Amino acid sequence: FMKGNEAIAEAAVRGGCRFFAGYPITPQN
């Protein structure tokens, strides 16, 4: 049972993502 943004982030890691660069902004923080 997960919050959408956090589930998306975990899916990215499991999909092979190994680099993220970004800057805070609501509603994706």
PDB file of all heavy atoms in Angstrom:
ATOM      1  N   PHE A   1       0.874  -1.172   0.000  1.00  0.00           N
ATOM      2  CA  PHE A   1       0.000   0.000   0.000  1.00  0.00           C
ATOM      3  C   PHE A   1       0.907   1.217   0.000  1.00  0.00           C
ATOM      4  O   PHE A   1       1.588   1.488   0.992  1.00  0.00           O
ATOM      5  CB  PHE A   1      -0.907  -0.031   1.226  1.00  0.00           C
ATOM      6  CG  PHE A   1      -2.033   0.969   1.181  1.00  0.00           C
ATOM      7  CD1 PHE A   1      -2.973   0.940   0.168  1.00  0.00           C
ATOM      8  CD2 PHE A   1      -2.159   1.927   2.170  1.00  0.00           C
ATOM      9  CE1 PHE A   1      -4.019   1.843   0.130  1.00  0.00           C
ATOM     10  CE2 PHE A   1      -3.200   2.840   2.147  1.00  0.00           C
ATOM     11  CZ  PHE A   1      -4.140   2.798   1.125  1.00  0.00           C
ATOM     12  N   MET A   2       0.960   1.922  -1.132  1.00  0.00           N
ATOM     13  CA  MET A   2       1.963   2.970  -1.288  1.00  0.00           C
ATOM     14  C   MET A   2       1.364   4.253  -1.861  1.00  0.00           C
ATOM     15  O   MET A   2       0.387   4.215  -2.603  1.00  0.00           O
ATOM     16  CB  MET A   2       3.088   2.504  -2.231  1.00  0.00           C
ATOM     17  CG  MET A   2       3.878   1.313  -1.738  1.00  0.00           C
ATOM     18  SD  MET A   2       5.273   0.919  -2.847  1.00  0.00           S
ATOM     19  CE  MET A   2       6.384   2.302  -2.479  1.00  0.00           C
ATOM     20  N   LYS A   3       1.991   5.351  -1.511  1.00  0.00           N
ATOM     21  CA  LYS A   3       1.669   6.640  -2.110  1.00  0.00           C
ATOM     22  C   LYS A   3       2.179   6.658  -3.535  1.00  0.00           C
ATOM     23  O   LYS A   3       3.256   6.142  -3.834  1.00  0.00           O
ATOM     24  CB  LYS A   3       2.320   7.759  -1.302  1.00  0.00           C
ATOM     25  CG  LYS A   3       1.843   9.149  -1.644  1.00  0.00           C
ATOM     26  CD  LYS A   3       2.403  10.160  -0.645  1.00  0.00           C
ATOM     27  CE  LYS A   3       1.752  11.524  -0.836  1.00  0.00           C
ATOM     28  NZ  LYS A   3       2.220  12.497   0.176  1.00  0.00           N
ATOM     29  N   GLY A   4       1.417   7.287  -4.432  1.00  0.00           N
ATOM     30  CA  GLY A   4       1.744   7.244  -5.848  1.00  0.00           C
ATOM     31  C   GLY A   4       3.164   7.662  -6.172  1.00  0.00           C
ATOM     32  O   GLY A   4       3.895   6.942  -6.870  1.00  0.00           O
ATOM     33  N   ASN A   5       3.601   8.824  -5.703  1.00  0.00           N
ATOM     34  CA  ASN A   5       4.942   9.301  -6.023  1.00  0.00           C
ATOM     35  C   ASN A   5       6.022   8.345  -5.534  1.00  0.00           C
ATOM     36  O   ASN A   5       7.024   8.112  -6.218  1.00  0.00           O
ATOM     37  CB  ASN A   5       5.172  10.687  -5.411  1.00  0.00           C
ATOM     38  CG  ASN A   5       4.468  11.791  -6.173  1.00  0.00           C
ATOM     39  OD1 ASN A   5       4.221  11.677  -7.369  1.00  0.00           O
ATOM     40  ND2 ASN A   5       4.147  12.874  -5.474  1.00  0.00           N
ATOM     41  N   GLU A   6       5.828   7.778  -4.353  1.00  0.00           N
ATOM     42  CA  GLU A   6       6.831   6.861  -3.812  1.00  0.00           C
ATOM     43  C   GLU A   6       6.839   5.538  -4.577  1.00  0.00           C
ATOM     44  O   GLU A   6       7.899   4.953  -4.815  1.00  0.00           O
ATOM     45  CB  GLU A   6       6.578   6.650  -2.321  1.00  0.00           C
ATOM     46  CG  GLU A   6       6.790   7.929  -1.517  1.00  0.00           C
ATOM     47  CD  GLU A   6       6.518   7.755  -0.037  1.00  0.00           C
ATOM     48  OE1 GLU A   6       5.932   6.710   0.354  1.00  0.00           O
ATOM     49  OE2 GLU A   6       6.870   8.663   0.736  1.00  0.00           O
ATOM     50  N   ALA A   7       5.661   5.073  -4.972  1.00  0.00           N
ATOM     51  CA  ALA A   7       5.588   3.845  -5.770  1.00  0.00           C
ATOM     52  C   ALA A   7       6.268   4.041  -7.127  1.00  0.00           C
ATOM     53  O   ALA A   7       6.969   3.160  -7.632  1.00  0.00           O
ATOM     54  CB  ALA A   7       4.131   3.424  -5.959  1.00  0.00           C
ATOM     55  N   ILE A   8       6.067   5.220  -7.732  1.00  0.00           N
ATOM     56  CA  ILE A   8       6.707   5.541  -8.999  1.00  0.00           C
ATOM     57  C   ILE A   8       8.224   5.527  -8.846  1.00  0.00           C
ATOM     58  O   ILE A   8       8.949   4.986  -9.691  1.00  0.00           O
ATOM     59  CB  ILE A   8       6.222   6.920  -9.491  1.00  0.00           C
ATOM     60  CG1 ILE A   8       4.761   6.850  -9.926  1.00  0.00           C
ATOM     61  CG2 ILE A   8       7.098   7.446 -10.628  1.00  0.00           C
ATOM     62  CD1 ILE A   8       4.113   8.217 -10.054  1.00  0.00           C
ATOM     63  N   ALA A   9       8.712   6.140  -7.767  1.00  0.00           N
ATOM     64  CA  ALA A   9      10.152   6.190  -7.538  1.00  0.00           C
ATOM     65  C   ALA A   9      10.734   4.788  -7.363  1.00  0.00           C
ATOM     66  O   ALA A   9      11.803   4.470  -7.909  1.00  0.00           O
ATOM     67  CB  ALA A   9      10.448   7.047  -6.312  1.00  0.00           C
ATOM     68  N   GLU A  10      10.039   3.949  -6.635  1.00  0.00           N
ATOM     69  CA  GLU A  10      10.525   2.579  -6.442  1.00  0.00           C
ATOM     70  C   GLU A  10      10.496   1.811  -7.759  1.00  0.00           C
ATOM     71  O   GLU A  10      11.417   1.034  -8.060  1.00  0.00           O
ATOM     72  CB  GLU A  10       9.680   1.867  -5.397  1.00  0.00           C
ATOM     73  CG  GLU A  10      10.077   0.422  -5.120  1.00  0.00           C
ATOM     74  CD  GLU A  10      11.492   0.263  -4.588  1.00  0.00           C
ATOM     75  OE1 GLU A  10      11.995   1.167  -3.899  1.00  0.00           O
ATOM     76  OE2 GLU A  10      12.110  -0.796  -4.874  1.00  0.00           O
ATOM     77  N   ALA A  11       9.460   2.032  -8.560  1.00  0.00           N
ATOM     78  CA  ALA A  11       9.396   1.375  -9.870  1.00  0.00           C
ATOM     79  C   ALA A  11      10.557   1.803 -10.754  1.00  0.00           C
ATOM     80  O   ALA A  11      11.105   1.002 -11.520  1.00  0.00           O
ATOM     81  CB  ALA A  11       8.069   1.698 -10.550  1.00  0.00           C
ATOM     82  N   ALA A  12      10.943   3.072 -10.658  1.00  0.00           N
ATOM     83  CA  ALA A  12      12.083   3.559 -11.445  1.00  0.00           C
ATOM     84  C   ALA A  12      13.359   2.828 -11.056  1.00  0.00           C
ATOM     85  O   ALA A  12      14.132   2.394 -11.928  1.00  0.00           O
ATOM     86  CB  ALA A  12      12.247   5.064 -11.250  1.00  0.00           C
ATOM     87  N   VAL A  13      13.578   2.685  -9.776  1.00  0.00           N
ATOM     88  CA  VAL A  13      14.771   1.959  -9.303  1.00  0.00           C
ATOM     89  C   VAL A  13      14.744   0.520  -9.805  1.00  0.00           C
ATOM     90  O   VAL A  13      15.746   0.000 -10.314  1.00  0.00           O
ATOM     91  CB  VAL A  13      14.847   2.007  -7.762  1.00  0.00           C
ATOM     92  CG1 VAL A  13      15.955   1.085  -7.245  1.00  0.00           C
ATOM     93  CG2 VAL A  13      15.082   3.442  -7.282  1.00  0.00           C
ATOM     94  N   ARG A  14      13.594  -0.120  -9.693  1.00  0.00           N
ATOM     95  CA  ARG A  14      13.482  -1.513 -10.122  1.00  0.00           C
ATOM     96  C   ARG A  14      13.582  -1.647 -11.641  1.00  0.00           C
ATOM     97  O   ARG A  14      13.960  -2.706 -12.143  1.00  0.00           O
ATOM     98  CB  ARG A  14      12.172  -2.112  -9.614  1.00  0.00           C
ATOM     99  CG  ARG A  14      12.153  -2.220  -8.087  1.00  0.00           C
ATOM    100  CD  ARG A  14      10.872  -2.813  -7.560  1.00  0.00           C
ATOM    101  NE  ARG A  14      10.908  -2.882  -6.106  1.00  0.00           N
ATOM    102  CZ  ARG A  14      10.563  -3.955  -5.381  1.00  0.00           C
ATOM    103  NH1 ARG A  14      10.151  -5.063  -5.990  1.00  0.00           N
ATOM    104  NH2 ARG A  14      10.639  -3.932  -4.077  1.00  0.00           N
ATOM    105  N   GLY A  15      13.268  -0.567 -12.363  1.00  0.00           N
ATOM    106  CA  GLY A  15      13.402  -0.566 -13.817  1.00  0.00           C
ATOM    107  C   GLY A  15      14.804  -0.283 -14.304  1.00  0.00           C
ATOM    108  O   GLY A  15      15.040  -0.231 -15.509  1.00  0.00           O
ATOM    109  N   GLY A  16      15.740  -0.081 -13.374  1.00  0.00           N
ATOM    110  CA  GLY A  16      17.136   0.110 -13.748  1.00  0.00           C
ATOM    111  C   GLY A  16      17.650   1.520 -13.629  1.00  0.00           C
ATOM    112  O   GLY A  16      18.817   1.787 -13.956  1.00  0.00           O
ATOM    113  N   CYS A  17      16.809   2.467 -13.191  1.00  0.00           N
ATOM    114  CA  CYS A  17      17.270   3.846 -13.020  1.00  0.00           C
ATOM    115  C   CYS A  17      18.378   3.896 -11.967  1.00  0.00           C
ATOM    116  O   CYS A  17      18.220   3.383 -10.855  1.00  0.00           O
ATOM    117  CB  CYS A  17      16.111   4.735 -12.591  1.00  0.00           C
ATOM    118  SG  CYS A  17      16.580   6.435 -12.239  1.00  0.00           S
ATOM    119  N   ARG A  18      19.489   4.533 -12.332  1.00  0.00           N
ATOM    120  CA  ARG A  18      20.609   4.661 -11.410  1.00  0.00           C
ATOM    121  C   ARG A  18      21.112   6.097 -11.300  1.00  0.00           C
ATOM    122  O   ARG A  18      22.140   6.352 -10.675  1.00  0.00           O
ATOM    123  CB  ARG A  18      21.764   3.731 -11.824  1.00  0.00           C
ATOM    124  CG  ARG A  18      21.445   2.250 -11.676  1.00  0.00           C
ATOM    125  CD  ARG A  18      21.144   1.862 -10.244  1.00  0.00           C
ATOM    126  NE  ARG A  18      20.784   0.467 -10.075  1.00  0.00           N
ATOM    127  CZ  ARG A  18      19.534   0.010 -10.071  1.00  0.00           C
ATOM    128  NH1 ARG A  18      18.517   0.848 -10.234  1.00  0.00           N
ATOM    129  NH2 ARG A  18      19.284  -1.273  -9.908  1.00  0.00           N
ATOM    130  N   PHE A  19      20.374   7.026 -11.895  1.00  0.00           N
ATOM    131  CA  PHE A  19      20.723   8.439 -11.733  1.00  0.00           C
ATOM    132  C   PHE A  19      19.464   9.280 -11.788  1.00  0.00           C
ATOM    133  O   PHE A  19      18.622   9.113 -12.678  1.00  0.00           O
ATOM    134  CB  PHE A  19      21.680   8.904 -12.836  1.00  0.00           C
ATOM    135  CG  PHE A  19      22.091  10.353 -12.692  1.00  0.00           C
ATOM    136  CD1 PHE A  19      23.133  10.707 -11.849  1.00  0.00           C
ATOM    137  CD2 PHE A  19      21.421  11.347 -13.389  1.00  0.00           C
ATOM    138  CE1 PHE A  19      23.499  12.048 -11.693  1.00  0.00           C
ATOM    139  CE2 PHE A  19      21.771  12.686 -13.242  1.00  0.00           C
ATOM    140  CZ  PHE A  19      22.822  13.030 -12.389  1.00  0.00           C
ATOM    141  N   PHE A  20      19.344  10.176 -10.831  1.00  0.00           N
ATOM    142  CA  PHE A  20      18.254  11.147 -10.806  1.00  0.00           C
ATOM    143  C   PHE A  20      18.826  12.513 -10.528  1.00  0.00           C
ATOM    144  O   PHE A  20      19.668  12.682  -9.638  1.00  0.00           O
ATOM    145  CB  PHE A  20      17.217  10.814  -9.727  1.00  0.00           C
ATOM    146  CG  PHE A  20      16.134  11.860  -9.599  1.00  0.00           C
ATOM    147  CD1 PHE A  20      14.941  11.718 -10.282  1.00  0.00           C
ATOM    148  CD2 PHE A  20      16.314  12.993  -8.809  1.00  0.00           C
ATOM    149  CE1 PHE A  20      13.939  12.684 -10.186  1.00  0.00           C
ATOM    150  CE2 PHE A  20      15.326  13.968  -8.707  1.00  0.00           C
ATOM    151  CZ  PHE A  20      14.134  13.810  -9.398  1.00  0.00           C
ATOM    152  N   ALA A  21      18.376  13.511 -11.272  1.00  0.00           N
ATOM    153  CA  ALA A  21      18.663  14.905 -10.966  1.00  0.00           C
ATOM    154  C   ALA A  21      17.375  15.695 -11.085  1.00  0.00           C
ATOM    155  O   ALA A  21      16.628  15.524 -12.051  1.00  0.00           O
ATOM    156  CB  ALA A  21      19.727  15.472 -11.903  1.00  0.00           C
ATOM    157  N   GLY A  22      17.104  16.525 -10.120  1.00  0.00           N
ATOM    158  CA  GLY A  22      15.877  17.299 -10.143  1.00  0.00           C
ATOM    159  C   GLY A  22      15.902  18.392  -9.102  1.00  0.00           C
ATOM    160  O   GLY A  22      16.907  18.601  -8.403  1.00  0.00           O
ATOM    161  N   TYR A  23      14.767  19.075  -9.010  1.00  0.00           N
ATOM    162  CA  TYR A  23      14.645  20.216  -8.118  1.00  0.00           C
ATOM    163  C   TYR A  23      13.248  20.177  -7.516  1.00  0.00           C
ATOM    164  O   TYR A  23      12.288  19.846  -8.218  1.00  0.00           O
ATOM    165  CB  TYR A  23      14.872  21.517  -8.906  1.00  0.00           C
ATOM    166  CG  TYR A  23      15.022  22.739  -8.042  1.00  0.00           C
ATOM    167  CD1 TYR A  23      16.237  23.045  -7.444  1.00  0.00           C
ATOM    168  CD2 TYR A  23      13.937  23.593  -7.839  1.00  0.00           C
ATOM    169  CE1 TYR A  23      16.379  24.185  -6.657  1.00  0.00           C
ATOM    170  CE2 TYR A  23      14.067  24.728  -7.053  1.00  0.00           C
ATOM    171  CZ  TYR A  23      15.287  25.018  -6.462  1.00  0.00           C
ATOM    172  OH  TYR A  23      15.421  26.130  -5.676  1.00  0.00           O
ATOM    173  N   PRO A  24      13.090  20.515  -6.246  1.00  0.00           N
ATOM    174  CA  PRO A  24      11.778  20.358  -5.600  1.00  0.00           C
ATOM    175  C   PRO A  24      10.689  21.245  -6.212  1.00  0.00           C
ATOM    176  O   PRO A  24      10.929  22.398  -6.547  1.00  0.00           O
ATOM    177  CB  PRO A  24      12.050  20.780  -4.149  1.00  0.00           C
ATOM    178  CG  PRO A  24      13.516  20.653  -3.963  1.00  0.00           C
ATOM    179  CD  PRO A  24      14.125  20.950  -5.288  1.00  0.00           C
ATOM    180  N   ILE A  25       9.513  20.673  -6.360  1.00  0.00           N
ATOM    181  CA  ILE A  25       8.308  21.421  -6.711  1.00  0.00           C
ATOM    182  C   ILE A  25       7.102  20.539  -6.416  1.00  0.00           C
ATOM    183  O   ILE A  25       7.096  19.350  -6.732  1.00  0.00           O
ATOM    184  CB  ILE A  25       8.316  21.878  -8.192  1.00  0.00           C
ATOM    185  CG1 ILE A  25       7.063  22.721  -8.504  1.00  0.00           C
ATOM    186  CG2 ILE A  25       8.418  20.697  -9.144  1.00  0.00           C
ATOM    187  CD1 ILE A  25       7.104  23.392  -9.871  1.00  0.00           C
ATOM    188  N   THR A  26       6.107  21.105  -5.780  1.00  0.00           N
ATOM    189  CA  THR A  26       4.871  20.394  -5.502  1.00  0.00           C
ATOM    190  C   THR A  26       4.080  20.232  -6.809  1.00  0.00           C
ATOM    191  O   THR A  26       4.093  21.137  -7.637  1.00  0.00           O
ATOM    192  CB  THR A  26       4.037  21.208  -4.496  1.00  0.00           C
ATOM    193  OG1 THR A  26       4.834  21.464  -3.337  1.00  0.00           O
ATOM    194  CG2 THR A  26       2.782  20.477  -4.079  1.00  0.00           C
ATOM    195  N   PRO A  27       3.400  19.101  -7.059  1.00  0.00           N
ATOM    196  CA  PRO A  27       3.103  17.998  -6.135  1.00  0.00           C
ATOM    197  C   PRO A  27       3.901  16.713  -6.412  1.00  0.00           C
ATOM    198  O   PRO A  27       3.360  15.623  -6.264  1.00  0.00           O
ATOM    199  CB  PRO A  27       1.617  17.778  -6.387  1.00  0.00           C
ATOM    200  CG  PRO A  27       1.457  18.080  -7.853  1.00  0.00           C
ATOM    201  CD  PRO A  27       2.477  19.129  -8.193  1.00  0.00           C
ATOM    202  N   GLN A  28       5.186  16.831  -6.807  1.00  0.00           N
ATOM    203  CA  GLN A  28       5.977  15.640  -7.107  1.00  0.00           C
ATOM    204  C   GLN A  28       7.129  15.432  -6.129  1.00  0.00           C
ATOM    205  O   GLN A  28       7.994  14.587  -6.356  1.00  0.00           O
ATOM    206  CB  GLN A  28       6.525  15.718  -8.535  1.00  0.00           C
ATOM    207  CG  GLN A  28       7.466  16.880  -8.817  1.00  0.00           C
ATOM    208  CD  GLN A  28       8.913  16.650  -8.454  1.00  0.00           C
ATOM    209  OE1 GLN A  28       9.526  15.688  -8.894  1.00  0.00           O
ATOM    210  NE2 GLN A  28       9.451  17.547  -7.643  1.00  0.00           N
ATOM    211  N   ASN A  29       7.146  16.174  -5.015  1.00  0.00           N
ATOM    212  CA  ASN A  29       8.337  16.193  -4.167  1.00  0.00           C
ATOM    213  C   ASN A  29       8.718  14.855  -3.573  1.00  0.00           C
ATOM    214  O   ASN A  29       9.889  14.610  -3.271  1.00  0.00           O
ATOM    215  CB  ASN A  29       8.168  17.217  -3.044  1.00  0.00           C
ATOM    216  CG  ASN A  29       8.360  18.635  -3.536  1.00  0.00           C
ATOM    217  OD1 ASN A  29       9.055  18.872  -4.522  1.00  0.00           O
ATOM    218  ND2 ASN A  29       7.731  19.587  -2.855  1.00  0.00           N
TER     219      ASN A  29
END
